[in-house]
Amino acid sequence: MATNVKTAISMHEDLFRQVNMMAKELKVSRSKLFVLAVQDFIKKQESQKMLAQINKACSDSPDAEEQKIQERMHKKHRDNLGNETW
């Protein structure tokens, strides 16, 4: 079981009032609201990192050897399809 840790944070009074109102609306403690907000923030950051990795992986173009392999594969497929009766 995970151990809970207490912490203190500082924020503007206006934000503190908004937090209190939101916690009241959601019927959760202020502490729970902070936990939910941080969990959501972490998920969004992880998603952004993953998206950046996916974009990086998809953005690279094939090198010369990969292009030759692709061309041979295309030729092979064209040859195979040329023998097909539709």
Protein backbone atom coordinates (compact mmCIF):
# COMPACT_ATOMS: atom_id res chain seq x y z
CA MET A 1 0.00 0.00 0.00
CA ALA A 2 1.32 3.44 -0.94
CA THR A 3 2.19 5.86 1.81
CA ASN A 4 0.57 9.30 1.76
CA VAL A 5 2.85 12.31 2.11
CA LYS A 6 1.77 15.76 3.23
CA THR A 7 3.05 18.84 1.49
CA ALA A 8 2.49 22.57 1.62
CA ILE A 9 2.07 24.74 -1.45
CA SER A 10 1.69 28.45 -2.03
CA MET A 11 -0.75 30.01 -4.47
CA HIS A 12 -2.61 33.22 -5.17
CA GLU A 13 -5.67 33.83 -3.03
CA ASP A 14 -7.93 33.94 -6.08
CA LEU A 15 -6.74 30.51 -7.20
CA PHE A 16 -7.19 29.19 -3.67
CA ARG A 17 -10.82 30.36 -3.69
CA GLN A 18 -11.38 28.69 -7.06
CA VAL A 19 -9.90 25.47 -5.72
CA ASN A 20 -12.20 25.57 -2.71
CA MET A 21 -15.25 26.21 -4.90
CA MET A 22 -14.31 23.41 -7.30
CA ALA A 23 -13.73 20.96 -4.44
CA LYS A 24 -17.12 21.87 -3.00
CA GLU A 25 -18.84 21.46 -6.40
CA LEU A 26 -17.21 18.06 -6.94
CA LYS A 27 -17.86 17.05 -3.33
CA VAL A 28 -14.22 16.08 -2.76
CA SER A 29 -11.64 17.35 -0.34
CA ARG A 30 -9.23 20.03 -1.47
CA SER A 31 -6.45 17.49 -1.07
CA LYS A 32 -8.26 15.02 -3.38
CA LEU A 33 -8.78 17.78 -5.94
CA PHE A 34 -5.04 18.49 -6.02
CA VAL A 35 -4.29 14.78 -6.40
CA LEU A 36 -6.76 14.51 -9.30
CA ALA A 37 -5.33 17.61 -10.96
CA VAL A 38 -1.72 16.42 -10.67
CA GLN A 39 -2.63 12.94 -11.94
CA ASP A 40 -4.35 14.50 -14.94
CA PHE A 41 -1.38 16.78 -15.58
CA ILE A 42 1.05 13.84 -15.46
CA LYS A 43 -1.10 11.82 -17.90
CA LYS A 44 -1.19 14.74 -20.31
CA GLN A 45 2.60 15.17 -20.11
CA GLU A 46 3.14 11.45 -20.74
CA SER A 47 0.77 11.60 -23.71
CA GLN A 48 2.67 14.58 -25.12
CA LYS A 49 5.97 12.71 -24.77
CA MET A 50 4.54 9.64 -26.47
CA LEU A 51 3.09 11.72 -29.29
CA ALA A 52 6.46 13.40 -29.80
CA GLN A 53 8.14 9.98 -29.98
CA ILE A 54 5.56 8.71 -32.48
CA ASN A 55 5.92 11.84 -34.61
CA LYS A 56 9.70 11.49 -34.54
CA ALA A 57 9.52 7.82 -35.54
CA CYS A 58 7.11 8.58 -38.39
CA SER A 59 8.92 11.63 -39.70
CA ASP A 60 12.12 9.98 -40.87
CA SER A 61 12.35 9.17 -44.55
CA PRO A 62 13.70 5.88 -45.83
CA ASP A 63 17.42 5.89 -46.56
CA ALA A 64 18.84 4.80 -49.93
CA GLU A 65 18.94 1.10 -49.02
CA GLU A 66 15.37 1.16 -47.70
CA GLN A 67 14.25 2.88 -50.91
CA LYS A 68 15.87 0.14 -53.02
CA ILE A 69 14.12 -2.53 -50.96
CA GLN A 70 10.80 -0.72 -51.37
CA GLU A 71 11.30 -0.46 -55.13
CA ARG A 72 12.05 -4.20 -55.36
CA MET A 73 8.97 -4.97 -53.27
CA HIS A 74 6.79 -2.78 -55.49
CA LYS A 75 8.15 -4.48 -58.62
CA LYS A 76 7.53 -7.91 -57.09
CA HIS A 77 3.97 -6.95 -56.21
CA ARG A 78 3.34 -5.52 -59.69
CA ASP A 79 4.71 -8.72 -61.24
CA ASN A 80 2.51 -10.86 -58.99
CA LEU A 81 -0.57 -8.79 -59.75
CA GLY A 82 0.19 -8.91 -63.48
CA ASN A 83 -0.26 -12.69 -63.37
CA GLU A 84 -3.60 -12.48 -61.54
CA THR A 85 -6.84 -13.03 -63.35
CA TRP A 86 -9.53 -10.74 -62.12
